[in-house]
């Protein structure tokens, strides 16, 4: 593999600024599409920085165990994952742990 894409998001324990669950919106954000996503996070909707993507690796900060498991269930194309102290990594590429 010559190249791969990585996306990273702070998912704020899978709730948005209105304290509403944002798991489905985050899931939709990492799917392939060229249209803009609105209201995923305040800074995204304010500046329109992100489009939907299909990354090879996606990293989440402030991710809960339940959200990690739900995201994995809804996103089978990420066949490899790891969760550690509030951070989740999902990958289409095998992950290797180095000591």
Protein backbone atom coordinates (compact mmCIF):
# COMPACT_ATOMS: atom_id res chain seq x y z
CA UNK A 1 0.00 0.00 0.00
CA UNK A 2 1.54 3.28 -1.10
CA UNK A 3 -0.81 5.63 0.70
CA UNK A 4 -3.75 5.74 3.06
CA UNK A 5 -6.11 8.35 4.46
CA UNK A 6 -6.68 9.20 8.11
CA UNK A 7 -9.48 11.20 9.73
CA UNK A 8 -9.62 12.23 13.37
CA UNK A 9 -12.51 13.67 15.37
CA UNK A 10 -13.21 14.68 18.94
CA UNK A 11 -16.66 13.12 19.40
CA UNK A 12 -17.28 14.64 22.85
CA UNK A 13 -18.50 11.33 24.31
CA UNK A 14 -20.83 10.94 21.31
CA UNK A 15 -23.01 13.98 22.09
CA UNK A 16 -23.21 17.35 20.37
CA UNK A 17 -23.44 20.84 21.85
CA UNK A 18 -27.16 20.29 22.48
CA UNK A 19 -26.36 17.06 24.37
CA UNK A 20 -28.01 15.01 21.62
CA UNK A 21 -26.50 11.73 20.44
CA UNK A 22 -24.27 12.30 17.41
CA UNK A 23 -23.16 8.73 16.66
CA UNK A 24 -25.27 8.49 13.50
CA UNK A 25 -24.05 11.88 12.25
CA UNK A 26 -20.42 10.94 12.87
CA UNK A 27 -21.00 7.60 11.11
CA UNK A 28 -22.50 9.44 8.15
CA UNK A 29 -19.56 11.86 8.10
CA UNK A 30 -17.02 9.10 7.46
CA UNK A 31 -18.97 7.63 4.54
CA UNK A 32 -18.23 8.47 0.92
CA UNK A 33 -20.05 11.52 -0.40
CA UNK A 34 -19.17 14.85 -1.91
CA UNK A 35 -21.85 16.91 -0.22
CA UNK A 36 -21.26 18.96 2.90
CA UNK A 37 -22.52 17.76 6.26
CA UNK A 38 -24.23 20.33 8.45
CA UNK A 39 -24.28 20.57 12.23
CA UNK A 40 -21.90 17.73 13.01
CA UNK A 41 -19.88 19.98 15.31
CA UNK A 42 -20.15 23.72 15.80
CA UNK A 43 -16.77 24.44 14.21
CA UNK A 44 -17.64 22.30 11.21
CA UNK A 45 -20.95 23.98 10.44
CA UNK A 46 -19.54 27.45 11.17
CA UNK A 47 -16.64 27.23 8.72
CA UNK A 48 -17.77 24.35 6.48
CA UNK A 49 -14.38 22.66 6.87
CA UNK A 50 -15.33 19.01 6.47
CA UNK A 51 -16.93 17.03 3.73
CA UNK A 52 -17.96 13.42 4.11
CA UNK A 53 -15.00 11.10 3.72
CA UNK A 54 -14.15 7.45 3.39
CA UNK A 55 -10.89 7.25 5.36
CA UNK A 56 -8.82 4.10 5.69
CA UNK A 57 -8.24 4.90 9.37
CA UNK A 58 -10.49 6.96 11.64
CA UNK A 59 -9.49 8.08 15.14
CA UNK A 60 -11.87 9.37 17.80
CA UNK A 61 -11.01 11.25 20.97
CA UNK A 62 -13.37 11.31 23.98
CA UNK A 63 -15.02 8.11 22.76
CA UNK A 64 -16.98 5.97 25.20
CA UNK A 65 -16.92 2.17 25.25
CA UNK A 66 -20.59 1.97 24.24
CA UNK A 67 -20.04 4.45 21.38
CA UNK A 68 -16.98 2.50 20.24
CA UNK A 69 -19.02 -0.71 20.09
CA UNK A 70 -21.97 1.00 18.37
CA UNK A 71 -19.71 2.61 15.75
CA UNK A 72 -18.02 -0.74 15.08
CA UNK A 73 -21.41 -2.43 14.64
CA UNK A 74 -22.57 0.25 12.18
CA UNK A 75 -19.27 0.34 10.25
CA UNK A 76 -18.29 -3.18 9.34
CA UNK A 77 -15.84 -1.98 6.69
CA UNK A 78 -13.45 -1.06 9.53
CA UNK A 79 -12.42 -4.62 10.33
CA UNK A 80 -9.74 -3.64 12.86
CA UNK A 81 -10.15 -1.51 15.96
CA UNK A 82 -8.60 -0.63 19.29
CA UNK A 83 -9.87 1.40 22.24
CA UNK A 84 -7.59 2.85 24.88
CA UNK A 85 -8.38 5.46 27.57
CA UNK A 86 -11.14 7.28 25.69
CA UNK A 87 -9.51 7.02 22.29
CA UNK A 88 -10.77 4.72 19.54
CA UNK A 89 -9.05 3.79 16.30
CA UNK A 90 -10.88 2.01 13.49
CA UNK A 91 -8.97 0.76 10.47
CA UNK A 92 -9.47 -1.04 7.19
CA UNK A 93 -5.76 -1.87 7.43
CA UNK A 94 -4.52 -4.43 9.98
CA UNK A 95 -3.17 -2.80 13.16
CA UNK A 96 0.09 -4.09 14.61
CA UNK A 97 1.12 -3.47 18.21
CA UNK A 98 4.83 -2.76 18.68
CA UNK A 99 6.37 -3.21 22.12
